[in-house]
Amino acid sequence: MRKDRLYFLTFITIVVIYTIIASIALHYINRSETITLLDTCLEFSKNETKTFATLVSHQMNAGVGKEAVIQNVQQSLEETDLDIGYLSILDWSGEIVCHPDIRKVGEQAGATKSFVSSVTDELTSDSFYTQLKTRLKEMEKAGSDSLVSQSEVIHMHSVAGTDWIVAAHIGLGKISVKLKEMRNRFFFIFMVMGLLVALTYVAAVRLLGSAYEKRLELKNRQLEDEVFNLSKLNRAVGDYQQRVNDSGMVESEEPPSKRRILTYLRDELLPIPIKEIAHIYTENTITYVVCFDGKRTTSNSSLEELFSQLDSEHFFRANRQFIIAISSIDKIVRYGNNQLKILVTPRPDSNIIISKNKAAEFKQWLNL
C-alpha cells in the first residue's frame, strides 16, 4: 500500500513538474511557430502584390483602357476567397477601385484599421504578431461573427504609371482559426508526451524498485543467516568459557603447557599465571602480555614461542599479532568480507581480526 502511494505521488510530481516546464516551452514554441507562419504570409503577400501590380501595369502600358483594366481586375478578384486573404486595388485617395466584394467598390478604406497605411510602411513578422494578437483580442470581445468578417491590410505595392495601389488583405477569422488549431495541436502533443514520460518514468521506477527490493531481500536473508551464525558462534564461546571455568583450567595428563610464564615489568622479573592472561600481542617487535586486570608486561619470547607454551584448548592464535584466551572473548561480530572481529576484555588498542581462511579453524576450536 505504501509503495502504491509512493508511485502515485511520484506520478503526480512528474506531471506537475512537466506541466510547468511544458507551459513555458509551449508559450515560446507557439510564439515562434506563429511568427514563422506570419512571416510566410507576409512574404507570399509581398510577392503576390508585386506580381499583380506588374500585370496591371503591363495592361495599362499595352494601351488597354482604364475602365477595361478595372473590369478585368474586378472579374479576376471576384473569385477570391475572402476568408483566407485577398487582393484589392485602391487609389491614392484611399478609395477602393477593385475588391472581391463589389459592394465595397467606391468606399473609402479605413487606414486606421489596417496594419499598414501606405506603400512605405514595412510590416515585420514581430510587429505583425503583436498587432494581430491585439486585434484578435479586440475582435473576440466584439463577438465571433465580427471576427469572421474582419480583414486587415498587411502589404501595399504601387502600380507603375498609375495612381493605384495593390493591397494584400488577410482574413482575421481564418488566421485566428489556424493559430488556435496550431496551439491546440502543440498542446495535444505536449500532453501525450507528458503522459508517456510520466508513465514510462513510473514504470521504470517500479521495475528498478522491484529489482532493488529483491536484491535487498536477498541481502537481508544473507544478513539474517550471518546474524544467526554469529549468535550461534557467540553462544558456543559462552559454552566453551563455561566449560573452561568449570574445569578450573586443570592441566591435562600430558601437560604441554606451563602454569605461568616469565615476563618483565620495566627491570623487574614478573611471573604471570597462565589463567590470568587475557591476550598476548606484538607491536614494533615487542611482545606484550595483558592480564584480565589490565596489567601489561613484556616478554622476550616471540608469539610462536609463547603459543607453544600455552594450552591450545584455552588459547587461540587469532592472527600474526594476537593470541587470545577463550575467557577474554566478550563478543564476536562480522567484519568485512566473511571475516570475524573478536571483542575481548580488556580492550586492546588494535582490532583483533580473524581472516576468512582462519575463521573455519576458529569455529573448529570452539567445537562448532
Protein backbone atom coordinates (compact mmCIF):
# COMPACT_ATOMS: atom_id res chain seq x y z
CA MET A 1 0.00 0.00 0.00
CA ARG A 2 2.83 2.38 0.85
CA LYS A 3 4.60 1.59 -2.41
CA ASP A 4 1.45 2.26 -4.47
CA ARG A 5 1.04 5.60 -2.73
CA LEU A 6 4.70 6.40 -3.37
CA TYR A 7 4.33 5.56 -7.08
CA PHE A 8 1.18 7.69 -7.26
CA LEU A 9 2.89 10.66 -5.60
CA THR A 10 5.86 10.20 -7.94
CA PHE A 11 3.49 10.26 -10.92
CA ILE A 12 1.74 13.42 -9.66
CA THR A 13 5.08 15.13 -9.00
CA ILE A 14 6.35 14.35 -12.50
CA VAL A 15 3.08 15.57 -14.04
CA VAL A 16 3.24 18.85 -12.11
CA ILE A 17 6.91 19.46 -13.00
CA TYR A 18 6.31 18.54 -16.64
CA THR A 19 3.22 20.78 -16.79
CA ILE A 20 5.20 23.78 -15.54
CA ILE A 21 8.06 23.15 -17.97
CA ALA A 22 5.70 22.36 -20.85
CA SER A 23 3.66 25.54 -20.23
CA ILE A 24 6.75 27.69 -20.53
CA ALA A 25 8.04 25.76 -23.53
CA LEU A 26 4.61 25.76 -25.20
CA HIS A 27 4.39 29.54 -24.94
CA TYR A 28 7.73 30.10 -26.66
CA ILE A 29 7.26 27.36 -29.25
CA ASN A 30 3.78 28.58 -30.12
CA ARG A 31 5.04 32.16 -30.46
CA SER A 32 7.98 31.05 -32.60
CA GLU A 33 5.79 28.96 -34.92
CA THR A 34 3.18 31.71 -35.16
CA ILE A 35 5.82 34.24 -36.18
CA THR A 36 7.16 31.77 -38.75
CA LEU A 37 3.65 31.33 -40.17
CA LEU A 38 3.03 35.08 -40.29
CA ASP A 39 6.42 35.63 -41.90
CA THR A 40 5.42 33.16 -44.64
CA CYS A 41 2.13 35.01 -45.12
CA LEU A 42 3.97 38.31 -45.40
CA GLU A 43 6.45 37.01 -47.96
CA PHE A 44 3.65 35.44 -50.03
CA SER A 45 1.62 38.67 -49.86
CA LYS A 46 4.61 40.77 -50.96
CA ASN A 47 5.27 38.53 -53.94
CA GLU A 48 1.59 38.36 -54.85
CA THR A 49 1.02 42.14 -54.70
CA LYS A 50 4.19 42.81 -56.71
CA THR A 51 3.21 40.29 -59.40
CA PHE A 52 -0.36 41.57 -59.58
CA ALA A 53 0.79 45.21 -59.74
CA THR A 54 3.20 44.30 -62.57
CA LEU A 55 0.40 42.61 -64.56
CA VAL A 56 -1.93 45.58 -64.14
CA SER A 57 0.89 47.94 -65.14
CA HIS A 58 1.59 45.89 -68.29
CA GLN A 59 -2.06 46.09 -69.30
CA MET A 60 -2.07 49.84 -68.85
CA ASN A 61 1.15 50.21 -70.83
CA ALA A 62 -0.27 47.97 -73.59
CA GLY A 63 -2.89 50.59 -74.28
CA VAL A 64 -5.83 48.85 -72.61
CA GLY A 65 -8.33 51.41 -71.39
CA LYS A 66 -8.56 52.19 -67.69
CA GLU A 67 -12.18 51.06 -67.43
CA ALA A 68 -11.37 47.83 -69.25
CA VAL A 69 -8.45 47.13 -66.90
CA ILE A 70 -10.69 47.78 -63.87
CA GLN A 71 -13.32 45.44 -65.30
CA ASN A 72 -10.73 42.69 -65.97
CA VAL A 73 -9.20 43.04 -62.47
CA GLN A 74 -12.64 43.06 -60.82
CA GLN A 75 -13.62 39.85 -62.62
CA SER A 76 -10.42 38.12 -61.52
CA LEU A 77 -10.83 39.27 -57.90
CA GLU A 78 -14.47 38.22 -57.54
CA GLU A 79 -13.50 34.53 -57.35
CA THR A 80 -11.18 35.16 -54.37
CA ASP A 81 -11.94 33.53 -51.00
CA LEU A 82 -12.46 36.43 -48.57
CA ASP A 83 -11.96 34.26 -45.51
CA ILE A 84 -8.33 33.40 -46.19
CA GLY A 85 -6.88 36.51 -47.83
CA TYR A 86 -7.37 38.57 -50.95
CA LEU A 87 -6.10 41.50 -53.03
CA SER A 88 -7.77 44.82 -53.68
CA ILE A 89 -6.85 47.97 -55.60
CA LEU A 90 -7.07 51.45 -54.09
CA ASP A 91 -6.23 54.83 -55.49
CA TRP A 92 -4.03 57.38 -53.75
CA SER A 93 -7.05 58.97 -52.09
CA GLY A 94 -7.90 55.68 -50.37
CA GLU A 95 -10.96 54.92 -52.49
CA ILE A 96 -11.45 51.25 -53.31
CA VAL A 97 -11.17 50.70 -57.07
CA CYS A 98 -11.43 46.89 -57.22
CA HIS A 99 -12.49 44.48 -54.48
CA PRO A 100 -13.65 40.82 -54.37
CA ASP A 101 -16.86 42.13 -52.77
CA ILE A 102 -18.16 44.50 -55.44
CA ARG A 103 -20.26 46.29 -52.84
CA LYS A 104 -17.05 47.68 -51.34
CA VAL A 105 -16.02 49.40 -54.60
CA GLY A 106 -16.14 53.17 -54.24
CA GLU A 107 -15.88 53.12 -50.46
CA GLN A 108 -13.01 54.66 -48.52
CA ALA A 109 -10.54 52.24 -46.99
CA GLY A 110 -10.13 52.77 -43.22
CA ALA A 111 -6.40 53.37 -42.76
CA THR A 112 -6.74 53.43 -39.01
CA LYS A 113 -7.97 49.84 -39.05
CA SER A 114 -5.08 48.47 -41.14
CA PHE A 115 -1.71 47.10 -40.09
CA VAL A 116 -0.12 49.25 -42.83
CA SER A 117 -1.49 52.53 -44.22
CA SER A 118 0.87 53.30 -47.11
CA VAL A 119 3.26 51.69 -49.55
CA THR A 120 6.17 52.93 -47.46
CA ASP A 121 5.07 51.02 -44.37
CA GLU A 122 7.07 47.82 -43.89
CA LEU A 123 5.40 45.26 -41.64
CA THR A 124 7.79 42.85 -39.90
CA SER A 125 6.79 39.43 -38.60
CA ASP A 126 7.30 40.54 -34.97
CA SER A 127 5.15 43.67 -35.31
CA PHE A 128 2.64 41.62 -37.32
CA TYR A 129 2.43 39.14 -34.42
CA THR A 130 1.99 41.89 -31.81
CA GLN A 131 -0.69 43.79 -33.78
CA LEU A 132 -2.51 40.61 -34.75
CA LYS A 133 -2.61 39.42 -31.15
CA THR A 134 -4.04 42.76 -30.01
CA ARG A 135 -6.58 42.91 -32.83
CA LEU A 136 -7.76 39.32 -32.27
CA LYS A 137 -8.40 40.08 -28.60
CA GLU A 138 -10.43 43.14 -29.58
CA MET A 139 -12.40 41.19 -32.17
CA GLU A 140 -13.07 38.28 -29.80
CA LYS A 141 -14.58 40.70 -27.30
CA ALA A 142 -16.77 42.09 -30.07
CA GLY A 143 -18.10 38.61 -30.97
CA SER A 144 -17.29 35.69 -33.24
CA ASP A 145 -19.36 36.99 -36.21
CA SER A 146 -17.41 40.23 -36.21
CA LEU A 147 -14.12 38.32 -36.08
CA VAL A 148 -15.01 36.16 -39.10
CA SER A 149 -15.84 39.15 -41.31
CA GLN A 150 -12.77 41.21 -40.43
CA SER A 151 -9.66 41.56 -42.56
CA GLU A 152 -6.52 43.68 -42.39
CA VAL A 153 -4.11 45.11 -44.97
CA ILE A 154 -0.64 43.67 -44.41
CA HIS A 155 1.20 44.94 -47.52
CA MET A 156 0.83 47.54 -50.29
CA HIS A 157 2.52 47.86 -53.68
CA SER A 158 2.03 50.74 -56.14
CA VAL A 159 1.10 50.12 -59.78
CA ALA A 160 3.69 51.82 -62.01
CA GLY A 161 2.33 54.58 -64.23
CA THR A 162 -0.96 54.88 -62.30
CA ASP A 163 -2.30 56.23 -59.03
CA TRP A 164 -3.37 52.80 -57.98
CA ILE A 165 -2.11 50.66 -55.09
CA VAL A 166 -2.45 46.90 -54.79
CA ALA A 167 -3.28 45.97 -51.19
CA ALA A 168 -2.91 42.47 -49.70
CA HIS A 169 -5.54 41.60 -47.07
CA ILE A 170 -5.53 38.76 -44.56
CA GLY A 171 -8.70 37.31 -43.06
CA LEU A 172 -8.57 37.61 -39.27
CA GLY A 173 -11.15 34.88 -38.71
CA LYS A 174 -9.27 32.32 -40.77
CA ILE A 175 -5.86 33.20 -39.34
CA SER A 176 -7.37 33.03 -35.84
CA VAL A 177 -8.68 29.52 -36.53
CA LYS A 178 -5.29 28.47 -37.93
CA LEU A 179 -3.46 29.78 -34.87
CA LYS A 180 -5.89 28.07 -32.50
CA GLU A 181 -5.53 24.78 -34.36
CA MET A 182 -1.74 25.06 -34.18
CA ARG A 183 -1.86 25.90 -30.46
CA ASN A 184 -4.24 23.02 -29.75
CA ARG A 185 -2.03 20.66 -31.77
CA PHE A 186 1.03 21.66 -29.77
CA PHE A 187 -0.94 21.33 -26.55
CA PHE A 188 -2.13 17.84 -27.51
CA ILE A 189 1.41 16.74 -28.46
CA PHE A 190 2.80 18.06 -25.17
CA MET A 191 0.02 16.36 -23.20
CA VAL A 192 0.60 12.99 -24.88
CA MET A 193 4.37 13.32 -24.46
CA GLY A 194 3.94 14.30 -20.81
CA LEU A 195 1.68 11.34 -20.14
CA LEU A 196 4.10 8.97 -21.86
CA VAL A 197 7.08 10.41 -19.98
CA ALA A 198 5.29 10.18 -16.63
CA LEU A 199 4.05 6.61 -17.22
CA THR A 200 7.44 5.50 -18.55
CA TYR A 201 9.22 7.03 -15.58
CA VAL A 202 6.85 5.44 -13.06
CA ALA A 203 7.14 2.07 -14.82
CA ALA A 204 10.94 2.34 -14.82
CA VAL A 205 10.97 3.33 -11.15
CA ARG A 206 8.67 0.44 -10.35
CA LEU A 207 10.84 -2.08 -12.24
CA LEU A 208 14.06 -0.74 -10.74
CA GLY A 209 12.44 -0.59 -7.31
CA SER A 210 11.24 -4.17 -7.64
CA ALA A 211 14.72 -5.34 -8.68
CA TYR A 212 16.28 -3.38 -5.82
CA GLU A 213 13.79 -4.84 -3.34
CA LYS A 214 14.66 -8.36 -4.49
CA ARG A 215 18.37 -7.67 -4.03
CA LEU A 216 17.64 -6.12 -0.66
CA GLU A 217 15.56 -9.12 0.32
CA LEU A 218 18.42 -11.44 -0.65
CA LYS A 219 20.89 -9.35 1.34
CA ASN A 220 18.53 -9.36 4.32
CA ARG A 221 18.30 -13.13 4.18
CA GLN A 222 22.08 -13.38 3.97
CA LEU A 223 22.36 -10.95 6.85
CA GLU A 224 19.87 -13.00 8.88
CA ASP A 225 21.93 -16.11 8.20
CA GLU A 226 25.10 -14.30 9.25
CA VAL A 227 23.41 -12.96 12.40
CA PHE A 228 22.21 -16.47 13.19
CA ASN A 229 25.71 -17.88 12.64
CA LEU A 230 27.25 -15.14 14.79
CA SER A 231 24.69 -15.76 17.52
CA LYS A 232 25.50 -19.44 17.34
CA LEU A 233 29.20 -18.61 17.47
CA ASN A 234 28.77 -16.33 20.48
CA ARG A 235 26.70 -19.00 22.28
CA ALA A 236 29.47 -21.50 21.55
CA VAL A 237 32.01 -19.08 23.03
CA GLY A 238 29.86 -18.75 26.14
CA ASP A 239 29.50 -22.52 26.46
CA TYR A 240 33.22 -23.02 25.96
CA GLN A 241 34.02 -20.36 28.55
CA GLN A 242 31.65 -22.05 30.98
CA ARG A 243 33.36 -25.39 30.44
CA VAL A 244 36.74 -23.76 31.00
CA ASN A 245 35.53 -22.13 34.20
CA ASP A 246 34.02 -25.39 35.42
CA SER A 247 37.22 -27.28 34.72
CA GLY A 248 39.26 -24.59 36.54
CA MET A 249 41.83 -24.76 33.77
CA VAL A 250 43.10 -28.09 35.07
CA GLU A 251 46.14 -29.36 33.20
CA SER A 252 45.73 -32.44 31.06
CA GLU A 253 47.51 -35.72 31.75
CA GLU A 254 50.07 -34.83 29.08
CA PRO A 255 50.99 -31.33 30.15
CA PRO A 256 52.11 -29.44 27.07
CA SER A 257 51.97 -26.05 28.76
CA LYS A 258 53.28 -24.26 31.75
CA ARG A 259 51.37 -22.86 34.73
CA ARG A 260 52.98 -19.45 34.39
CA ILE A 261 55.28 -17.53 32.05
CA LEU A 262 58.13 -15.17 32.88
CA THR A 263 57.64 -11.53 31.88
CA TYR A 264 59.22 -8.15 32.59
CA LEU A 265 57.79 -5.01 34.10
CA ARG A 266 60.49 -2.42 33.45
CA ASP A 267 63.59 -4.01 35.13
CA GLU A 268 61.56 -6.34 37.31
CA LEU A 269 61.08 -10.04 36.50
CA LEU A 270 57.43 -10.91 36.94
CA PRO A 271 55.96 -14.43 36.57
CA ILE A 272 52.34 -14.32 35.26
CA PRO A 273 49.96 -17.24 35.92
CA ILE A 274 48.56 -18.61 32.66
CA LYS A 275 44.99 -18.36 33.93
CA GLU A 276 45.37 -14.58 34.40
CA ILE A 277 46.39 -13.90 30.77
CA ALA A 278 43.66 -12.31 28.65
CA HIS A 279 45.62 -11.88 25.43
CA ILE A 280 49.13 -11.57 24.08
CA TYR A 281 50.12 -9.35 21.19
CA THR A 282 53.19 -7.99 19.43
CA GLU A 283 53.83 -4.40 18.43
CA ASN A 284 57.04 -2.95 16.98
CA THR A 285 58.82 -6.30 17.56
CA ILE A 286 57.90 -6.17 21.29
CA THR A 287 55.67 -8.87 22.78
CA TYR A 288 53.15 -7.71 25.37
CA VAL A 289 51.25 -9.89 27.84
CA VAL A 290 47.92 -8.40 29.01
CA CYS A 291 46.14 -9.76 32.10
CA PHE A 292 42.44 -9.62 32.92
CA ASP A 293 43.07 -6.85 35.45
CA GLY A 294 44.57 -4.69 32.66
CA LYS A 295 48.17 -5.07 33.76
CA ARG A 296 50.56 -5.16 30.80
CA THR A 297 54.05 -6.70 30.87
CA THR A 298 56.56 -7.62 28.18
CA SER A 299 58.23 -10.87 27.20
CA ASN A 300 61.45 -11.69 25.39
CA SER A 301 59.77 -14.62 23.67
CA SER A 302 58.00 -14.37 20.32
CA LEU A 303 54.31 -15.15 19.80
CA GLU A 304 55.24 -18.53 18.29
CA GLU A 305 57.32 -19.45 21.33
CA LEU A 306 54.67 -18.32 23.82
CA PHE A 307 51.84 -20.05 21.94
CA SER A 308 53.78 -23.33 22.05
CA GLN A 309 53.86 -23.00 25.87
CA LEU A 310 50.09 -22.38 26.21
CA ASP A 311 47.20 -24.82 26.32
CA SER A 312 45.61 -24.78 22.83
CA GLU A 313 42.21 -25.55 24.35
CA HIS A 314 42.27 -22.24 26.21
CA PHE A 315 44.25 -20.04 23.83
CA PHE A 316 43.88 -19.35 20.09
CA ARG A 317 46.31 -17.74 17.66
CA ALA A 318 43.93 -15.23 16.03
CA ASN A 319 46.48 -13.78 13.60
CA ARG A 320 50.13 -12.85 13.37
CA GLN A 321 49.68 -10.18 16.01
CA PHE A 322 47.34 -11.68 18.64
CA ILE A 323 46.90 -14.71 20.88
CA ILE A 324 43.57 -14.63 22.72
CA ALA A 325 42.28 -16.56 25.73
CA ILE A 326 38.84 -18.13 25.49
CA SER A 327 37.87 -16.48 28.80
CA SER A 328 38.64 -12.98 27.48
CA ILE A 329 36.27 -13.15 24.50
CA ASP A 330 33.36 -10.76 25.02
CA LYS A 331 31.66 -10.85 21.62
CA ILE A 332 32.20 -11.94 18.02
CA VAL A 333 30.94 -9.72 15.20
CA ARG A 334 31.07 -9.85 11.39
CA TYR A 335 33.81 -7.77 9.82
CA GLY A 336 34.41 -7.09 6.13
CA ASN A 337 34.19 -9.95 3.66
CA ASN A 338 33.45 -13.06 5.74
CA GLN A 339 35.94 -12.03 8.41
CA LEU A 340 35.39 -12.05 12.17
CA LYS A 341 36.16 -9.31 14.65
CA ILE A 342 36.84 -10.51 18.21
CA LEU A 343 35.98 -8.18 21.07
CA VAL A 344 37.94 -9.08 24.20
CA THR A 345 38.24 -7.78 27.73
CA PRO A 346 40.25 -5.72 28.38
CA ARG A 347 40.06 -3.90 25.02
CA PRO A 348 43.32 -3.70 23.03
CA ASP A 349 44.33 -0.63 21.00
CA SER A 350 44.12 -2.59 17.73
CA ASN A 351 41.23 -4.63 16.33
CA ILE A 352 41.56 -8.39 16.58
CA ILE A 353 40.57 -9.67 13.12
CA ILE A 354 40.33 -13.34 12.15
CA SER A 355 40.71 -13.79 8.40
CA LYS A 356 38.28 -15.67 6.18
CA ASN A 357 40.70 -18.60 5.90
CA LYS A 358 41.25 -18.80 9.67
CA ALA A 359 37.57 -18.43 10.57
CA ALA A 360 36.92 -22.12 9.93
CA GLU A 361 39.79 -23.09 12.26
CA PHE A 362 38.40 -20.71 14.90
CA LYS A 363 34.95 -22.33 14.69
CA GLN A 364 36.55 -25.76 14.95
CA TRP A 365 38.43 -24.57 18.06
CA LEU A 366 35.03 -23.70 19.56
CA ASN A 367 33.82 -27.23 18.71
CA LEU A 368 31.38 -25.96 16.05
